Amino acid sequence: MSDLVSTLTDDQLQILKDAALDFALSHGLVVRPPPAAKDEHNATTLAGGVINAPISLIPTPFPANAFRDAVRIQPLYNQLVHDISQDDAFLKEIMERYVFDRDSETDALTQMVFLATPSILLIWFSLAQR
């Protein structure tokens, strides 16, 4: 695949890069930069304090045995995510720590959503039983 890059002109490569960044940003592929990076002038930093997540313009070779291992363990990971999503007590404990123990780094909206969730669920369940 590296041959593909060598066949592109600088203009074509820039067009490909811009299209990939536009796609990434419009599909939410963003991360918050580390504190040091926020102080530097960075053309890809958005007003909201996020930058595009690292992406690749061309396919990257990946070892076949590592891919097979990932496919083999995927059902176990799926089960883990499912089990966690069904453990209300665990999720409540984790979210309480995140929402209230972060030295006011958690925004007010996240706190309001967390506090409103039990009431919203009660309303939803009462409407669903009708």
N, C-alpha and C. Protein backbone atom coordinates (compact mmCIF):
# COMPACT_ATOMS: atom_id res chain seq x y z
N MET A 1 0.81 -1.20 0.00
CA MET A 1 0.00 0.00 0.00
C MET A 1 0.85 1.26 0.00
N SER A 2 2.09 1.18 0.48
CA SER A 2 2.92 2.38 0.47
C SER A 2 3.17 2.85 -0.95
N ASP A 3 3.05 1.94 -1.92
CA ASP A 3 3.19 2.34 -3.32
C ASP A 3 2.10 3.32 -3.71
N LEU A 4 0.91 3.18 -3.13
CA LEU A 4 -0.20 4.08 -3.43
C LEU A 4 0.16 5.51 -3.09
N VAL A 5 0.76 5.72 -1.93
CA VAL A 5 1.13 7.07 -1.51
C VAL A 5 2.15 7.67 -2.48
N SER A 6 3.08 6.87 -2.93
CA SER A 6 4.12 7.40 -3.83
C SER A 6 3.56 7.79 -5.19
N THR A 7 2.38 7.29 -5.55
CA THR A 7 1.79 7.64 -6.85
C THR A 7 0.93 8.91 -6.77
N LEU A 8 0.67 9.40 -5.57
CA LEU A 8 -0.17 10.59 -5.41
C LEU A 8 0.68 11.86 -5.48
N THR A 9 0.11 12.88 -6.09
CA THR A 9 0.77 14.18 -6.07
C THR A 9 0.54 14.82 -4.71
N ASP A 10 1.28 15.87 -4.43
CA ASP A 10 1.10 16.58 -3.15
C ASP A 10 -0.33 17.11 -3.04
N ASP A 11 -0.88 17.63 -4.14
CA ASP A 11 -2.26 18.14 -4.12
C ASP A 11 -3.26 17.03 -3.84
N GLN A 12 -3.07 15.87 -4.47
CA GLN A 12 -3.98 14.74 -4.24
C GLN A 12 -3.90 14.25 -2.79
N LEU A 13 -2.69 14.21 -2.28
CA LEU A 13 -2.51 13.78 -0.89
C LEU A 13 -3.17 14.76 0.07
N GLN A 14 -3.07 16.06 -0.20
CA GLN A 14 -3.71 17.07 0.64
C GLN A 14 -5.23 16.94 0.58
N ILE A 15 -5.77 16.69 -0.62
CA ILE A 15 -7.22 16.49 -0.77
C ILE A 15 -7.67 15.28 0.03
N LEU A 16 -6.91 14.19 -0.06
CA LEU A 16 -7.23 12.97 0.69
C LEU A 16 -7.17 13.22 2.20
N LYS A 17 -6.16 13.94 2.64
CA LYS A 17 -6.02 14.26 4.06
C LYS A 17 -7.19 15.12 4.53
N ASP A 18 -7.52 16.16 3.78
CA ASP A 18 -8.64 17.03 4.17
C ASP A 18 -9.96 16.27 4.22
N ALA A 19 -10.19 15.40 3.24
CA ALA A 19 -11.43 14.61 3.21
C ALA A 19 -11.50 13.66 4.41
N ALA A 20 -10.37 13.05 4.75
CA ALA A 20 -10.33 12.13 5.90
C ALA A 20 -10.59 12.88 7.20
N LEU A 21 -9.99 14.07 7.36
CA LEU A 21 -10.22 14.86 8.57
C LEU A 21 -11.66 15.34 8.65
N ASP A 22 -12.22 15.78 7.53
CA ASP A 22 -13.63 16.19 7.51
C ASP A 22 -14.54 15.04 7.93
N PHE A 23 -14.27 13.85 7.39
CA PHE A 23 -15.05 12.67 7.75
C PHE A 23 -14.92 12.37 9.24
N ALA A 24 -13.68 12.39 9.74
CA ALA A 24 -13.45 12.09 11.15
C ALA A 24 -14.18 13.08 12.05
N LEU A 25 -14.07 14.36 11.75
CA LEU A 25 -14.69 15.37 12.58
C LEU A 25 -16.21 15.32 12.50
N SER A 26 -16.75 15.07 11.31
CA SER A 26 -18.21 15.05 11.16
C SER A 26 -18.84 13.78 11.72
N HIS A 27 -18.01 12.77 12.01
CA HIS A 27 -18.52 11.52 12.60
C HIS A 27 -18.09 11.35 14.05
N GLY A 28 -17.64 12.43 14.67
CA GLY A 28 -17.33 12.40 16.10
C GLY A 28 -16.04 11.72 16.48
N LEU A 29 -15.13 11.55 15.53
CA LEU A 29 -13.85 10.92 15.84
C LEU A 29 -12.89 11.98 16.38
N VAL A 30 -13.18 12.44 17.59
CA VAL A 30 -12.40 13.51 18.21
C VAL A 30 -11.98 13.10 19.62
N VAL A 31 -10.92 13.72 20.09
CA VAL A 31 -10.43 13.49 21.44
C VAL A 31 -10.02 14.84 22.03
N ARG A 32 -9.96 14.89 23.35
CA ARG A 32 -9.43 16.10 23.99
C ARG A 32 -7.91 15.99 23.99
N PRO A 33 -7.23 17.05 23.60
CA PRO A 33 -5.76 16.99 23.59
C PRO A 33 -5.21 17.02 25.00
N PRO A 34 -4.00 16.51 25.19
CA PRO A 34 -3.36 16.63 26.51
C PRO A 34 -3.17 18.10 26.85
N PRO A 35 -3.10 18.44 28.14
CA PRO A 35 -2.99 19.85 28.54
C PRO A 35 -1.88 20.61 27.82
N ALA A 36 -0.72 20.01 27.62
CA ALA A 36 0.39 20.70 26.96
C ALA A 36 0.03 21.07 25.53
N ALA A 37 -0.70 20.20 24.85
CA ALA A 37 -1.05 20.44 23.45
C ALA A 37 -2.05 21.58 23.30
N LYS A 38 -2.86 21.82 24.35
CA LYS A 38 -3.85 22.89 24.27
C LYS A 38 -3.18 24.26 24.22
N ASP A 39 -1.97 24.36 24.79
CA ASP A 39 -1.28 25.64 24.82
C ASP A 39 -0.59 25.95 23.50
N GLU A 40 -0.29 24.93 22.72
CA GLU A 40 0.39 25.14 21.44
C GLU A 40 -0.62 25.55 20.38
N HIS A 41 -0.15 26.28 19.39
CA HIS A 41 -1.04 26.63 18.27
C HIS A 41 -1.17 25.40 17.39
N ASN A 42 -2.38 24.93 17.21
CA ASN A 42 -2.62 23.73 16.43
C ASN A 42 -3.80 23.99 15.51
N ALA A 43 -3.57 23.91 14.22
CA ALA A 43 -4.62 24.24 13.25
C ALA A 43 -5.79 23.27 13.33
N THR A 44 -5.59 22.05 13.86
CA THR A 44 -6.68 21.09 13.92
C THR A 44 -7.47 21.17 15.21
N THR A 45 -7.08 22.04 16.14
CA THR A 45 -7.82 22.19 17.38
C THR A 45 -9.10 22.98 17.12
N LEU A 46 -10.22 22.45 17.56
CA LEU A 46 -11.50 23.11 17.36
C LEU A 46 -11.81 24.02 18.53
N ALA A 47 -12.79 24.88 18.35
CA ALA A 47 -13.17 25.83 19.40
C ALA A 47 -13.57 25.12 20.68
N GLY A 48 -14.14 23.92 20.59
CA GLY A 48 -14.58 23.18 21.76
C GLY A 48 -13.45 22.50 22.51
N GLY A 49 -12.22 22.69 22.07
CA GLY A 49 -11.09 22.10 22.77
C GLY A 49 -10.83 20.66 22.42
N VAL A 50 -11.24 20.22 21.24
CA VAL A 50 -10.98 18.86 20.81
C VAL A 50 -10.17 18.86 19.53
N ILE A 51 -9.51 17.74 19.27
CA ILE A 51 -8.77 17.56 18.02
C ILE A 51 -9.24 16.25 17.40
N ASN A 52 -8.94 16.08 16.12
CA ASN A 52 -9.32 14.82 15.48
C ASN A 52 -8.53 13.68 16.10
N ALA A 53 -9.17 12.54 16.23
CA ALA A 53 -8.49 11.34 16.71
C ALA A 53 -7.51 10.88 15.62
N PRO A 54 -6.45 10.20 16.00
CA PRO A 54 -5.51 9.71 14.99
C PRO A 54 -6.22 8.77 14.02
N ILE A 55 -5.97 8.99 12.74
CA ILE A 55 -6.56 8.13 11.70
C ILE A 55 -5.47 7.77 10.71
N SER A 56 -5.75 6.79 9.88
CA SER A 56 -4.82 6.37 8.84
C SER A 56 -5.44 6.65 7.48
N LEU A 57 -4.67 7.19 6.58
CA LEU A 57 -5.18 7.48 5.23
C LEU A 57 -5.24 6.23 4.37
N ILE A 58 -4.39 5.27 4.64
CA ILE A 58 -4.35 4.05 3.84
C ILE A 58 -4.38 2.85 4.79
N PRO A 59 -4.82 1.69 4.28
CA PRO A 59 -4.84 0.50 5.14
C PRO A 59 -3.45 0.20 5.70
N THR A 60 -3.43 -0.27 6.92
CA THR A 60 -2.19 -0.61 7.60
C THR A 60 -2.12 -2.12 7.76
N PRO A 61 -1.00 -2.73 7.39
CA PRO A 61 -0.89 -4.18 7.57
C PRO A 61 -1.08 -4.55 9.04
N PHE A 62 -1.78 -5.67 9.26
CA PHE A 62 -2.06 -6.14 10.62
C PHE A 62 -1.78 -7.63 10.65
N PRO A 63 -1.04 -8.13 11.63
CA PRO A 63 -0.70 -9.56 11.66
C PRO A 63 -1.95 -10.44 11.71
N ALA A 64 -2.01 -11.42 10.84
CA ALA A 64 -3.17 -12.32 10.75
C ALA A 64 -3.42 -13.05 12.07
N ASN A 65 -2.36 -13.47 12.76
CA ASN A 65 -2.56 -14.20 14.01
C ASN A 65 -3.16 -13.28 15.08
N ALA A 66 -2.78 -12.02 15.11
CA ALA A 66 -3.37 -11.08 16.07
C ALA A 66 -4.85 -10.85 15.73
N PHE A 67 -5.18 -10.78 14.45
CA PHE A 67 -6.58 -10.62 14.05
C PHE A 67 -7.39 -11.84 14.49
N ARG A 68 -6.86 -13.04 14.27
CA ARG A 68 -7.57 -14.26 14.69
C ARG A 68 -7.76 -14.29 16.20
N ASP A 69 -6.75 -13.86 16.95
CA ASP A 69 -6.88 -13.80 18.41
C ASP A 69 -8.00 -12.84 18.81
N ALA A 70 -8.05 -11.69 18.15
CA ALA A 70 -9.09 -10.70 18.47
C ALA A 70 -10.48 -11.26 18.16
N VAL A 71 -10.62 -11.95 17.04
CA VAL A 71 -11.91 -12.55 16.68
C VAL A 71 -12.29 -13.62 17.71
N ARG A 72 -11.30 -14.37 18.18
CA ARG A 72 -11.56 -15.46 19.14
C ARG A 72 -12.03 -14.91 20.49
N ILE A 73 -11.46 -13.80 20.94
CA ILE A 73 -11.84 -13.29 22.26
C ILE A 73 -13.01 -12.30 22.20
N GLN A 74 -13.43 -11.90 21.01
CA GLN A 74 -14.51 -10.92 20.90
C GLN A 74 -15.78 -11.36 21.62
N PRO A 75 -16.23 -12.62 21.51
CA PRO A 75 -17.44 -13.02 22.26
C PRO A 75 -17.30 -12.84 23.77
N LEU A 76 -16.10 -13.08 24.31
CA LEU A 76 -15.88 -12.87 25.75
C LEU A 76 -15.99 -11.39 26.10
N TYR A 77 -15.43 -10.53 25.26
CA TYR A 77 -15.53 -9.09 25.49
C TYR A 77 -16.98 -8.63 25.39
N ASN A 78 -17.68 -9.14 24.39
CA ASN A 78 -19.11 -8.80 24.24
C ASN A 78 -19.89 -9.16 25.50
N GLN A 79 -19.62 -10.34 26.05
CA GLN A 79 -20.30 -10.78 27.26
C GLN A 79 -19.95 -9.88 28.44
N LEU A 80 -18.69 -9.49 28.55
CA LEU A 80 -18.27 -8.60 29.63
C LEU A 80 -19.01 -7.26 29.54
N VAL A 81 -19.06 -6.67 28.36
CA VAL A 81 -19.76 -5.39 28.18
C VAL A 81 -21.24 -5.55 28.51
N HIS A 82 -21.84 -6.65 28.06
CA HIS A 82 -23.25 -6.91 28.35
C HIS A 82 -23.48 -7.03 29.85
N ASP A 83 -22.64 -7.81 30.52
CA ASP A 83 -22.82 -8.01 31.97
C ASP A 83 -22.67 -6.70 32.73
N ILE A 84 -21.70 -5.88 32.34
CA ILE A 84 -21.53 -4.59 33.00
C ILE A 84 -22.75 -3.70 32.76
N SER A 85 -23.27 -3.73 31.55
CA SER A 85 -24.42 -2.87 31.23
C SER A 85 -25.67 -3.27 32.01
N GLN A 86 -25.72 -4.49 32.51
CA GLN A 86 -26.88 -4.97 33.26
C GLN A 86 -26.71 -4.85 34.77
N ASP A 87 -25.54 -4.42 35.23
CA ASP A 87 -25.25 -4.32 36.65
C ASP A 87 -25.49 -2.88 37.13
N ASP A 88 -26.73 -2.58 37.47
CA ASP A 88 -27.12 -1.21 37.84
C ASP A 88 -26.32 -0.68 39.03
N ALA A 89 -26.11 -1.52 40.04
CA ALA A 89 -25.40 -1.07 41.24
C ALA A 89 -23.96 -0.67 40.90
N PHE A 90 -23.30 -1.48 40.09
CA PHE A 90 -21.92 -1.19 39.69
C PHE A 90 -21.86 0.10 38.88
N LEU A 91 -22.75 0.25 37.91
CA LEU A 91 -22.77 1.45 37.08
C LEU A 91 -23.06 2.70 37.91
N LYS A 92 -23.99 2.59 38.85
CA LYS A 92 -24.31 3.73 39.72
C LYS A 92 -23.10 4.13 40.54
N GLU A 93 -22.41 3.15 41.10
CA GLU A 93 -21.22 3.44 41.91
C GLU A 93 -20.14 4.12 41.08
N ILE A 94 -19.89 3.61 39.89
CA ILE A 94 -18.86 4.18 39.02
C ILE A 94 -19.24 5.59 38.60
N MET A 95 -20.49 5.78 38.20
CA MET A 95 -20.93 7.10 37.75
C MET A 95 -20.92 8.11 38.89
N GLU A 96 -21.30 7.69 40.09
CA GLU A 96 -21.25 8.60 41.24
C GLU A 96 -19.81 9.07 41.47
N ARG A 97 -18.86 8.15 41.39
CA ARG A 97 -17.46 8.54 41.56
C ARG A 97 -17.04 9.51 40.46
N TYR A 98 -17.44 9.22 39.24
CA TYR A 98 -17.07 10.08 38.11
C TYR A 98 -17.72 11.45 38.20
N VAL A 99 -19.01 11.46 38.48
CA VAL A 99 -19.75 12.72 38.46
C VAL A 99 -19.41 13.61 39.64
N PHE A 100 -19.24 13.04 40.82
CA PHE A 100 -19.11 13.87 42.01
C PHE A 100 -17.71 13.94 42.62
N ASP A 101 -16.79 13.09 42.22
CA ASP A 101 -15.46 13.08 42.84
C ASP A 101 -14.36 13.56 41.91
N ARG A 102 -14.68 14.43 41.01
CA ARG A 102 -13.67 14.85 40.03
C ARG A 102 -13.26 16.31 40.20
N ASP A 103 -13.37 16.85 41.38
CA ASP A 103 -12.95 18.23 41.63
C ASP A 103 -13.56 19.20 40.64
N SER A 104 -14.86 19.09 40.46
CA SER A 104 -15.68 19.97 39.61
C SER A 104 -15.27 19.97 38.13
N GLU A 105 -14.55 18.93 37.68
CA GLU A 105 -14.23 18.82 36.26
C GLU A 105 -15.43 18.35 35.45
N THR A 106 -16.37 17.67 36.11
CA THR A 106 -17.56 17.20 35.43
C THR A 106 -18.48 18.38 35.19
N ASP A 107 -18.97 18.49 33.96
CA ASP A 107 -19.81 19.63 33.66
C ASP A 107 -21.20 19.48 34.29
N ALA A 108 -21.89 20.58 34.42
CA ALA A 108 -23.19 20.61 35.09
C ALA A 108 -24.21 19.75 34.36
N LEU A 109 -24.14 19.70 33.03
CA LEU A 109 -25.10 18.89 32.27
C LEU A 109 -24.98 17.41 32.63
N THR A 110 -23.75 16.91 32.72
CA THR A 110 -23.54 15.50 33.07
C THR A 110 -24.11 15.22 34.45
N GLN A 111 -23.89 16.12 35.40
CA GLN A 111 -24.43 15.93 36.75
C GLN A 111 -25.96 15.93 36.73
N MET A 112 -26.57 16.85 35.97
CA MET A 112 -28.04 16.92 35.91
C MET A 112 -28.61 15.66 35.27
N VAL A 113 -27.98 15.17 34.20
CA VAL A 113 -28.47 13.95 33.55
C VAL A 113 -28.37 12.77 34.51
N PHE A 114 -27.25 12.66 35.23
CA PHE A 114 -27.09 11.57 36.18
C PHE A 114 -28.15 11.62 37.27
N LEU A 115 -28.40 12.81 37.81
CA LEU A 115 -29.38 12.95 38.88
C LEU A 115 -30.81 12.74 38.37
N ALA A 116 -31.08 13.08 37.11
CA ALA A 116 -32.44 12.96 36.56
C ALA A 116 -32.74 11.56 36.07
N THR A 117 -31.73 10.75 35.82
CA THR A 117 -31.95 9.43 35.22
C THR A 117 -32.95 8.57 35.98
N PRO A 118 -32.89 8.44 37.31
CA PRO A 118 -33.89 7.60 37.99
C PRO A 118 -35.33 8.08 37.75
N SER A 119 -35.56 9.38 37.77
CA SER A 119 -36.90 9.91 37.53
C SER A 119 -37.34 9.64 36.10
N ILE A 120 -36.43 9.80 35.16
CA ILE A 120 -36.75 9.54 33.75
C ILE A 120 -37.13 8.08 33.57
N LEU A 121 -36.37 7.18 34.19
CA LEU A 121 -36.67 5.75 34.08
C LEU A 121 -38.03 5.41 34.68
N LEU A 122 -38.36 6.01 35.82
CA LEU A 122 -39.67 5.77 36.43
C LEU A 122 -40.79 6.20 35.50
N ILE A 123 -40.66 7.36 34.90
CA ILE A 123 -41.67 7.84 33.95
C ILE A 123 -41.76 6.90 32.76
N TRP A 124 -40.62 6.50 32.23
CA TRP A 124 -40.60 5.63 31.06
C TRP A 124 -41.27 4.29 31.37
N PHE A 125 -40.93 3.69 32.52
CA PHE A 125 -41.54 2.41 32.89
C PHE A 125 -43.04 2.54 33.11
N SER A 126 -43.48 3.65 33.72
CA SER A 126 -44.92 3.83 33.95
C SER A 126 -45.68 3.98 32.63
N LEU A 127 -45.05 4.66 31.67
CA LEU A 127 -45.68 4.81 30.34
C LEU A 127 -45.67 3.50 29.58
N ALA A 128 -44.61 2.71 29.76
CA ALA A 128 -44.51 1.44 29.05
C ALA A 128 -45.53 0.42 29.54
N GLN A 129 -45.98 0.56 30.78
CA GLN A 129 -46.94 -0.41 31.34
C GLN A 129 -48.37 -0.08 30.95
N ARG A 130 -48.60 1.02 30.32
CA ARG A 130 -49.98 1.40 29.93
C ARG A 130 -50.46 0.59 28.78
